[in-house]
Amino acid sequence: EVAELSEDLARGYIGGSGLGAALLFAESKADTPPLSPDNPLLFLTGPLTGTRVLASGRYAVVTRSPLTGIWAEADAGGQFGSQLKWAGFDGVIFTGKAPEPVYLYITNGRAELRPAQGIWGQDTYVTDELIRAETTAGASVACIGPAGEKGVLFAAIMSEGRHSRAAGRAGVGAVMGSKNLKAVAVHGTGSVSVARPDKLEQSLRALAPTLVKNSRARSQYGTAGGLMGAETIGDFPIKNW
């Protein structure tokens, strides 16, 4: 079903992670088993996703972690978040369990569950190729491989095929597999309206040189380029964050 996102909820819980915290609290209980059909799995975006704001294309996956039994959040970049917004949706909430393997295809205001028996067992590279061949070459696919299907507790959700963007924390891929959900494919051709586009353009022009300079190490070395900065501000992923 399609539900409206209220302005109060959107303003009260900013971003995919904030919105996920509110929705997970509302949709689950303190003792909900992580790999049960009752555990919600949420793919969510933020208010800037799909706009021209730099580095705003990320999406958050929120659920209850099979590793810890508590809050799980993993996020990834690439095109998936923006495509979801361009298709007309701020997010997707999965509950229950499909009787057979399925994937969800979302495009321009429509969503349908499709059979995935023929894709189950494939790795994420092949899954991406097969689903885009069934849907459209321009789709962005977030999917699991054999690890998620078999409930490996640290399984990731991968998107962008061989470009390999990972929502890799807290075992969210195992939760996806527990629902017999192989993938979510999205393709949108719409846009995200901005209240004051002229002000946004001014802001982007002012900030772009600084962002390019500060992200040069990431461009050269990938995620490893951010290690020194993360350690400096206390955001280095050691000792359980």
C-alpha atoms as a PDB file:
ATOM      1  CA  GLU A   1       0.000   0.000   0.000  1.00  0.00           C
ATOM      2  CA  VAL A   2       1.009   3.637  -0.482  1.00  0.00           C
ATOM      3  CA  ALA A   3       0.889   5.971   2.513  1.00  0.00           C
ATOM      4  CA  GLU A   4       1.440   9.700   2.772  1.00  0.00           C
ATOM      5  CA  LEU A   5       4.398  10.984   4.781  1.00  0.00           C
ATOM      6  CA  SER A   6       3.019  13.657   7.097  1.00  0.00           C
ATOM      7  CA  GLU A   7       4.795  16.988   7.289  1.00  0.00           C
ATOM      8  CA  ASP A   8       4.940  16.725  11.093  1.00  0.00           C
ATOM      9  CA  LEU A   9       6.774  13.406  10.881  1.00  0.00           C
ATOM     10  CA  ALA A  10       9.125  14.639   8.157  1.00  0.00           C
ATOM     11  CA  ARG A  11       9.991  17.805  10.094  1.00  0.00           C
ATOM     12  CA  GLY A  12      10.212  16.080  13.480  1.00  0.00           C
ATOM     13  CA  TYR A  13      12.619  13.335  12.391  1.00  0.00           C
ATOM     14  CA  ILE A  14      15.057  14.688   9.828  1.00  0.00           C
ATOM     15  CA  GLY A  15      16.770  12.424   7.329  1.00  0.00           C
ATOM     16  CA  GLY A  16      16.511   8.740   6.565  1.00  0.00           C
ATOM     17  CA  SER A  17      18.006   7.749   9.912  1.00  0.00           C
ATOM     18  CA  GLY A  18      15.776  10.067  11.911  1.00  0.00           C
ATOM     19  CA  LEU A  19      12.655   8.999  10.081  1.00  0.00           C
ATOM     20  CA  GLY A  20      13.741   5.384  10.493  1.00  0.00           C
ATOM     21  CA  ALA A  21      14.023   5.785  14.274  1.00  0.00           C
ATOM     22  CA  ALA A  22      10.443   7.050  14.519  1.00  0.00           C
ATOM     23  CA  LEU A  23       8.997   4.433  12.175  1.00  0.00           C
ATOM     24  CA  LEU A  24      10.895   1.486  13.663  1.00  0.00           C
ATOM     25  CA  PHE A  25       9.666   2.489  17.119  1.00  0.00           C
ATOM     26  CA  ALA A  26       6.080   2.689  15.829  1.00  0.00           C
ATOM     27  CA  GLU A  27       6.201  -0.524  13.794  1.00  0.00           C
ATOM     28  CA  SER A  28       7.952  -2.889  16.237  1.00  0.00           C
ATOM     29  CA  LYS A  29       8.114  -3.860  19.901  1.00  0.00           C
ATOM     30  CA  ALA A  30      10.965  -4.086  22.376  1.00  0.00           C
ATOM     31  CA  ASP A  31      11.081  -7.877  22.033  1.00  0.00           C
ATOM     32  CA  THR A  32      10.545  -8.216  18.276  1.00  0.00           C
ATOM     33  CA  PRO A  33      12.974 -10.932  17.046  1.00  0.00           C
ATOM     34  CA  PRO A  34      15.249  -9.452  14.336  1.00  0.00           C
ATOM     35  CA  LEU A  35      14.795 -12.314  11.877  1.00  0.00           C
ATOM     36  CA  SER A  36      11.040 -12.682  12.408  1.00  0.00           C
ATOM     37  CA  PRO A  37       8.428 -11.522   9.888  1.00  0.00           C
ATOM     38  CA  ASP A  38       7.381  -8.839  12.397  1.00  0.00           C
ATOM     39  CA  ASN A  39      10.691  -6.978  12.227  1.00  0.00           C
ATOM     40  CA  PRO A  40      10.315  -4.042   9.817  1.00  0.00           C
ATOM     41  CA  LEU A  41      12.970  -3.399   7.174  1.00  0.00           C
ATOM     42  CA  LEU A  42      13.026   0.216   6.022  1.00  0.00           C
ATOM     43  CA  PHE A  43      14.720   1.842   3.028  1.00  0.00           C
ATOM     44  CA  LEU A  44      14.568   5.607   3.578  1.00  0.00           C
ATOM     45  CA  THR A  45      15.785   8.875   2.101  1.00  0.00           C
ATOM     46  CA  GLY A  46      16.227  12.387   3.456  1.00  0.00           C
ATOM     47  CA  PRO A  47      14.699  15.716   2.399  1.00  0.00           C
ATOM     48  CA  LEU A  48      17.684  16.638   0.189  1.00  0.00           C
ATOM     49  CA  THR A  49      17.950  13.272  -1.563  1.00  0.00           C
ATOM     50  CA  GLY A  50      17.407  13.579  -5.295  1.00  0.00           C
ATOM     51  CA  THR A  51      18.214  17.287  -5.395  1.00  0.00           C
ATOM     52  CA  ARG A  52      21.340  18.986  -6.729  1.00  0.00           C
ATOM     53  CA  VAL A  53      22.845  19.170  -3.246  1.00  0.00           C
ATOM     54  CA  LEU A  54      26.270  17.554  -3.354  1.00  0.00           C
ATOM     55  CA  ALA A  55      26.615  14.106  -1.727  1.00  0.00           C
ATOM     56  CA  SER A  56      22.874  13.950  -1.019  1.00  0.00           C
ATOM     57  CA  GLY A  57      22.117  10.731  -2.897  1.00  0.00           C
ATOM     58  CA  ARG A  58      22.553   8.343   0.015  1.00  0.00           C
ATOM     59  CA  TYR A  59      19.842   6.119   1.481  1.00  0.00           C
ATOM     60  CA  ALA A  60      19.510   4.541   4.917  1.00  0.00           C
ATOM     61  CA  VAL A  61      18.469   0.981   5.744  1.00  0.00           C
ATOM     62  CA  VAL A  62      16.949   0.752   9.218  1.00  0.00           C
ATOM     63  CA  THR A  63      15.790  -2.327  11.134  1.00  0.00           C
ATOM     64  CA  ARG A  64      16.512  -4.325  14.288  1.00  0.00           C
ATOM     65  CA  SER A  65      19.963  -5.890  14.110  1.00  0.00           C
ATOM     66  CA  PRO A  66      20.310  -9.687  14.160  1.00  0.00           C
ATOM     67  CA  LEU A  67      23.819  -9.117  15.562  1.00  0.00           C
ATOM     68  CA  THR A  68      22.808  -7.066  18.605  1.00  0.00           C
ATOM     69  CA  GLY A  69      19.009  -7.279  18.840  1.00  0.00           C
ATOM     70  CA  ILE A  70      18.797  -3.489  18.939  1.00  0.00           C
ATOM     71  CA  TRP A  71      18.890  -0.529  16.541  1.00  0.00           C
ATOM     72  CA  ALA A  72      20.473  -1.175  13.137  1.00  0.00           C
ATOM     73  CA  GLU A  73      21.325   1.492  10.601  1.00  0.00           C
ATOM     74  CA  ALA A  74      23.358   1.091   7.427  1.00  0.00           C
ATOM     75  CA  ASP A  75      23.570   3.551   4.580  1.00  0.00           C
ATOM     76  CA  ALA A  76      25.011   3.630   1.082  1.00  0.00           C
ATOM     77  CA  GLY A  77      25.635   6.058  -1.758  1.00  0.00           C
ATOM     78  CA  GLY A  78      25.184   5.738  -5.477  1.00  0.00           C
ATOM     79  CA  GLN A  79      21.926   6.334  -7.338  1.00  0.00           C
ATOM     80  CA  PHE A  80      19.446   4.225  -5.369  1.00  0.00           C
ATOM     81  CA  GLY A  81      18.269   6.969  -2.984  1.00  0.00           C
ATOM     82  CA  SER A  82      17.886   9.555  -5.729  1.00  0.00           C
ATOM     83  CA  GLN A  83      16.082   7.102  -8.017  1.00  0.00           C
ATOM     84  CA  LEU A  84      13.634   6.327  -5.219  1.00  0.00           C
ATOM     85  CA  LYS A  85      12.818  10.020  -4.810  1.00  0.00           C
ATOM     86  CA  TRP A  86      12.579  10.544  -8.568  1.00  0.00           C
ATOM     87  CA  ALA A  87      10.103   7.650  -8.668  1.00  0.00           C
ATOM     88  CA  GLY A  88       7.909   9.547  -6.195  1.00  0.00           C
ATOM     89  CA  PHE A  89       8.689   7.845  -2.884  1.00  0.00           C
ATOM     90  CA  ASP A  90      10.504   8.898   0.286  1.00  0.00           C
ATOM     91  CA  GLY A  91      10.980   5.310   1.412  1.00  0.00           C
ATOM     92  CA  VAL A  92       9.747   1.733   1.620  1.00  0.00           C
ATOM     93  CA  ILE A  93       8.735  -0.321   4.659  1.00  0.00           C
ATOM     94  CA  PHE A  94       8.790  -4.113   4.436  1.00  0.00           C
ATOM     95  CA  THR A  95       6.989  -6.271   6.998  1.00  0.00           C
ATOM     96  CA  GLY A  96       6.043  -9.938   6.917  1.00  0.00           C
ATOM     97  CA  LYS A  97       7.675 -12.625   4.805  1.00  0.00           C
ATOM     98  CA  ALA A  98       7.021 -13.595   1.211  1.00  0.00           C
ATOM     99  CA  PRO A  99       6.132 -17.285   0.723  1.00  0.00           C
ATOM    100  CA  GLU A 100       8.630 -17.471  -2.167  1.00  0.00           C
ATOM    101  CA  PRO A 101      11.611 -15.299  -3.150  1.00  0.00           C
ATOM    102  CA  VAL A 102      10.565 -11.943  -4.623  1.00  0.00           C
ATOM    103  CA  TYR A 103      11.949  -8.563  -5.564  1.00  0.00           C
ATOM    104  CA  LEU A 104      10.205  -5.197  -5.533  1.00  0.00           C
ATOM    105  CA  TYR A 105      10.212  -3.037  -8.662  1.00  0.00           C
ATOM    106  CA  ILE A 106       9.367   0.644  -8.200  1.00  0.00           C
ATOM    107  CA  THR A 107       8.924   3.068 -11.072  1.00  0.00           C
ATOM    108  CA  ASN A 108       7.234   6.482 -11.256  1.00  0.00           C
ATOM    109  CA  GLY A 109       4.592   6.095  -8.572  1.00  0.00           C
ATOM    110  CA  ARG A 110       4.039   2.357  -9.031  1.00  0.00           C
ATOM    111  CA  ALA A 111       5.396  -0.632  -7.132  1.00  0.00           C
ATOM    112  CA  GLU A 112       5.007  -4.356  -7.754  1.00  0.00           C
ATOM    113  CA  LEU A 113       6.418  -7.522  -6.225  1.00  0.00           C
ATOM    114  CA  ARG A 114       7.877  -9.859  -8.824  1.00  0.00           C
ATOM    115  CA  PRO A 115       9.024 -13.490  -8.512  1.00  0.00           C
ATOM    116  CA  ALA A 116      12.737 -13.990  -7.873  1.00  0.00           C
ATOM    117  CA  GLN A 117      13.036 -17.789  -7.718  1.00  0.00           C
ATOM    118  CA  GLY A 118      15.262 -17.720 -10.800  1.00  0.00           C
ATOM    119  CA  ILE A 119      17.561 -15.117  -9.228  1.00  0.00           C
ATOM    120  CA  TRP A 120      17.765 -16.617  -5.717  1.00  0.00           C
ATOM    121  CA  GLY A 121      21.246 -17.994  -5.107  1.00  0.00           C
ATOM    122  CA  GLN A 122      22.982 -15.544  -7.443  1.00  0.00           C
ATOM    123  CA  ASP A 123      25.627 -13.102  -6.247  1.00  0.00           C
ATOM    124  CA  THR A 124      24.930  -9.375  -6.226  1.00  0.00           C
ATOM    125  CA  TYR A 125      26.696  -8.667  -9.542  1.00  0.00           C
ATOM    126  CA  VAL A 126      24.605 -11.202 -11.450  1.00  0.00           C
ATOM    127  CA  THR A 127      21.440 -10.217  -9.580  1.00  0.00           C
ATOM    128  CA  ASP A 128      21.907  -6.598 -10.650  1.00  0.00           C
ATOM    129  CA  GLU A 129      22.383  -7.603 -14.285  1.00  0.00           C
ATOM    130  CA  LEU A 130      19.405  -9.980 -14.361  1.00  0.00           C
ATOM    131  CA  ILE A 131      16.982  -7.534 -12.730  1.00  0.00           C
ATOM    132  CA  ARG A 132      17.985  -4.609 -14.928  1.00  0.00           C
ATOM    133  CA  ALA A 133      17.518  -6.868 -17.949  1.00  0.00           C
ATOM    134  CA  GLU A 134      13.971  -7.656 -16.713  1.00  0.00           C
ATOM    135  CA  THR A 135      13.095  -4.045 -15.874  1.00  0.00           C
ATOM    136  CA  THR A 136      15.167  -1.257 -17.422  1.00  0.00           C
ATOM    137  CA  ALA A 137      18.870  -0.668 -17.878  1.00  0.00           C
ATOM    138  CA  GLY A 138      18.585   2.617 -15.981  1.00  0.00           C
ATOM    139  CA  ALA A 139      17.300   1.032 -12.769  1.00  0.00           C
ATOM    140  CA  SER A 140      19.264   1.069  -9.532  1.00  0.00           C
ATOM    141  CA  VAL A 141      19.194  -2.266  -7.703  1.00  0.00           C
ATOM    142  CA  ALA A 142      19.809  -2.884  -3.993  1.00  0.00           C
ATOM    143  CA  CYS A 143      20.102  -6.617  -3.359  1.00  0.00           C
ATOM    144  CA  ILE A 144      21.542  -9.435  -1.288  1.00  0.00           C
ATOM    145  CA  GLY A 145      23.720 -12.358  -2.280  1.00  0.00           C
ATOM    146  CA  PRO A 146      23.961 -15.890  -0.834  1.00  0.00           C
ATOM    147  CA  ALA A 147      25.111 -14.537   2.558  1.00  0.00           C
ATOM    148  CA  GLY A 148      21.910 -12.573   3.099  1.00  0.00           C
ATOM    149  CA  GLU A 149      19.788 -15.445   1.802  1.00  0.00           C
ATOM    150  CA  LYS A 150      21.357 -17.831   4.326  1.00  0.00           C
ATOM    151  CA  GLY A 151      21.041 -15.429   7.255  1.00  0.00           C
ATOM    152  CA  VAL A 152      24.721 -14.659   7.797  1.00  0.00           C
ATOM    153  CA  LEU A 153      24.482 -12.170  10.656  1.00  0.00           C
ATOM    154  CA  PHE A 154      26.835  -9.607   9.119  1.00  0.00           C
ATOM    155  CA  ALA A 155      25.424  -9.813   5.571  1.00  0.00           C
ATOM    156  CA  ALA A 156      25.300  -6.532   3.656  1.00  0.00           C
ATOM    157  CA  ILE A 157      22.850  -5.063   1.161  1.00  0.00           C
ATOM    158  CA  MET A 158      24.704  -4.123  -2.024  1.00  0.00           C
ATOM    159  CA  SER A 159      23.648  -1.664  -4.711  1.00  0.00           C
ATOM    160  CA  GLU A 160      24.937  -0.374  -8.062  1.00  0.00           C
ATOM    161  CA  GLY A 161      26.064  -3.790  -9.313  1.00  0.00           C
ATOM    162  CA  ARG A 162      29.801  -3.969  -9.974  1.00  0.00           C
ATOM    163  CA  HIS A 163      30.261  -0.443  -8.613  1.00  0.00           C
ATOM    164  CA  SER A 164      29.421  -2.061  -5.261  1.00  0.00           C
ATOM    165  CA  ARG A 165      27.909   0.425  -2.824  1.00  0.00           C
ATOM    166  CA  ALA A 166      27.341  -1.303   0.515  1.00  0.00           C
ATOM    167  CA  ALA A 167      24.787  -0.805   3.258  1.00  0.00           C
ATOM    168  CA  GLY A 168      27.093  -2.998   5.274  1.00  0.00           C
ATOM    169  CA  ARG A 169      26.536  -2.495   8.982  1.00  0.00           C
ATOM    170  CA  ALA A 170      24.611  -4.478  11.571  1.00  0.00           C
ATOM    171  CA  GLY A 171      23.487  -7.421   9.427  1.00  0.00           C
ATOM    172  CA  VAL A 172      20.710  -5.697   7.472  1.00  0.00           C
ATOM    173  CA  GLY A 173      21.239  -8.175   4.625  1.00  0.00           C
ATOM    174  CA  ALA A 174      20.238 -11.068   6.871  1.00  0.00           C
ATOM    175  CA  VAL A 175      16.961  -9.315   7.714  1.00  0.00           C
ATOM    176  CA  MET A 176      16.314  -8.840   4.004  1.00  0.00           C
ATOM    177  CA  GLY A 177      16.963 -12.529   3.388  1.00  0.00           C
ATOM    178  CA  SER A 178      14.669 -13.548   6.238  1.00  0.00           C
ATOM    179  CA  LYS A 179      11.813 -11.909   4.329  1.00  0.00           C
ATOM    180  CA  ASN A 180      12.609 -13.803   1.094  1.00  0.00           C
ATOM    181  CA  LEU A 181      13.309 -10.388  -0.425  1.00  0.00           C
ATOM    182  CA  LYS A 182      16.096 -10.678  -2.984  1.00  0.00           C
ATOM    183  CA  ALA A 183      16.204  -7.088  -4.215  1.00  0.00           C
ATOM    184  CA  VAL A 184      14.607  -3.685  -4.529  1.00  0.00           C
ATOM    185  CA  ALA A 185      14.898  -2.108  -7.980  1.00  0.00           C
ATOM    186  CA  VAL A 186      13.970   1.528  -8.536  1.00  0.00           C
ATOM    187  CA  HIS A 187      13.747   3.724 -11.603  1.00  0.00           C
ATOM    188  CA  GLY A 188      12.395   7.247 -11.602  1.00  0.00           C
ATOM    189  CA  THR A 189      12.218   9.976 -14.218  1.00  0.00           C
ATOM    190  CA  GLY A 190      10.648  12.666 -12.036  1.00  0.00           C
ATOM    191  CA  SER A 191      12.318  15.348  -9.959  1.00  0.00           C
ATOM    192  CA  VAL A 192      12.307  16.789  -6.448  1.00  0.00           C
ATOM    193  CA  SER A 193      10.869  20.288  -6.161  1.00  0.00           C
ATOM    194  CA  VAL A 194      12.818  22.879  -4.194  1.00  0.00           C
ATOM    195  CA  ALA A 195      11.134  25.823  -2.490  1.00  0.00           C
ATOM    196  CA  ARG A 196      13.852  28.367  -3.369  1.00  0.00           C
ATOM    197  CA  PRO A 197      15.982  26.994  -6.230  1.00  0.00           C
ATOM    198  CA  ASP A 198      17.859  30.287  -6.707  1.00  0.00           C
ATOM    199  CA  LYS A 199      19.047  30.275  -3.088  1.00  0.00           C
ATOM    200  CA  LEU A 200      20.019  26.627  -3.400  1.00  0.00           C
ATOM    201  CA  GLU A 201      22.138  27.356  -6.483  1.00  0.00           C
ATOM    202  CA  GLN A 202      23.885  30.230  -4.678  1.00  0.00           C
ATOM    203  CA  SER A 203      24.649  27.967  -1.743  1.00  0.00           C
ATOM    204  CA  LEU A 204      25.998  25.193  -3.969  1.00  0.00           C
ATOM    205  CA  ARG A 205      28.276  27.563  -5.861  1.00  0.00           C
ATOM    206  CA  ALA A 206      29.647  28.906  -2.586  1.00  0.00           C
ATOM    207  CA  LEU A 207      30.210  25.492  -0.995  1.00  0.00           C
ATOM    208  CA  ALA A 208      31.396  23.459  -3.995  1.00  0.00           C
ATOM    209  CA  PRO A 209      35.079  24.537  -3.990  1.00  0.00           C
ATOM    210  CA  THR A 210      35.447  23.715  -0.288  1.00  0.00           C
ATOM    211  CA  LEU A 211      33.738  20.336  -0.680  1.00  0.00           C
ATOM    212  CA  VAL A 212      35.910  19.426  -3.656  1.00  0.00           C
ATOM    213  CA  LYS A 213      39.058  20.354  -1.733  1.00  0.00           C
ATOM    214  CA  ASN A 214      38.057  18.506   1.424  1.00  0.00           C
ATOM    215  CA  SER A 215      37.028  15.353  -0.441  1.00  0.00           C
ATOM    216  CA  ARG A 216      40.147  15.077  -2.625  1.00  0.00           C
ATOM    217  CA  ALA A 217      41.541  12.216  -0.551  1.00  0.00           C
ATOM    218  CA  ARG A 218      38.271  10.309  -0.921  1.00  0.00           C
ATOM    219  CA  SER A 219      38.464  10.733  -4.695  1.00  0.00           C
ATOM    220  CA  GLN A 220      42.019   9.353  -4.721  1.00  0.00           C
ATOM    221  CA  TYR A 221      41.738   6.589  -2.148  1.00  0.00           C
ATOM    222  CA  GLY A 222      38.022   5.877  -1.655  1.00  0.00           C
ATOM    223  CA  THR A 223      36.753   5.317   1.888  1.00  0.00           C
ATOM    224  CA  ALA A 224      40.354   4.940   3.117  1.00  0.00           C
ATOM    225  CA  GLY A 225      40.887   8.619   2.300  1.00  0.00           C
ATOM    226  CA  GLY A 226      38.648   9.599   5.188  1.00  0.00           C
ATOM    227  CA  LEU A 227      40.357   7.608   7.924  1.00  0.00           C
ATOM    228  CA  MET A 228      42.622  10.338   9.296  1.00  0.00           C
ATOM    229  CA  GLY A 229      39.814  12.875   9.476  1.00  0.00           C
ATOM    230  CA  ALA A 230      37.456  10.383  11.088  1.00  0.00           C
ATOM    231  CA  GLU A 231      40.038   9.533  13.737  1.00  0.00           C
ATOM    232  CA  THR A 232      40.636  13.229  14.437  1.00  0.00           C
ATOM    233  CA  ILE A 233      36.962  13.929  15.221  1.00  0.00           C
ATOM    234  CA  GLY A 234      36.398  10.688  17.147  1.00  0.00           C
ATOM    235  CA  ASP A 235      34.347   8.985  14.432  1.00  0.00           C
ATOM    236  CA  PHE A 236      36.765   6.153  13.740  1.00  0.00           C
ATOM    237  CA  PRO A 237      34.833   2.840  13.636  1.00  0.00           C
ATOM    238  CA  ILE A 238      36.595   1.014  16.462  1.00  0.00           C
ATOM    239  CA  LYS A 239      35.467  -0.087  19.930  1.00  0.00           C
ATOM    240  CA  ASN A 240      31.826  -0.286  18.734  1.00  0.00           C
ATOM    241  CA  TRP A 241      31.975   3.328  17.558  1.00  0.00           C
END
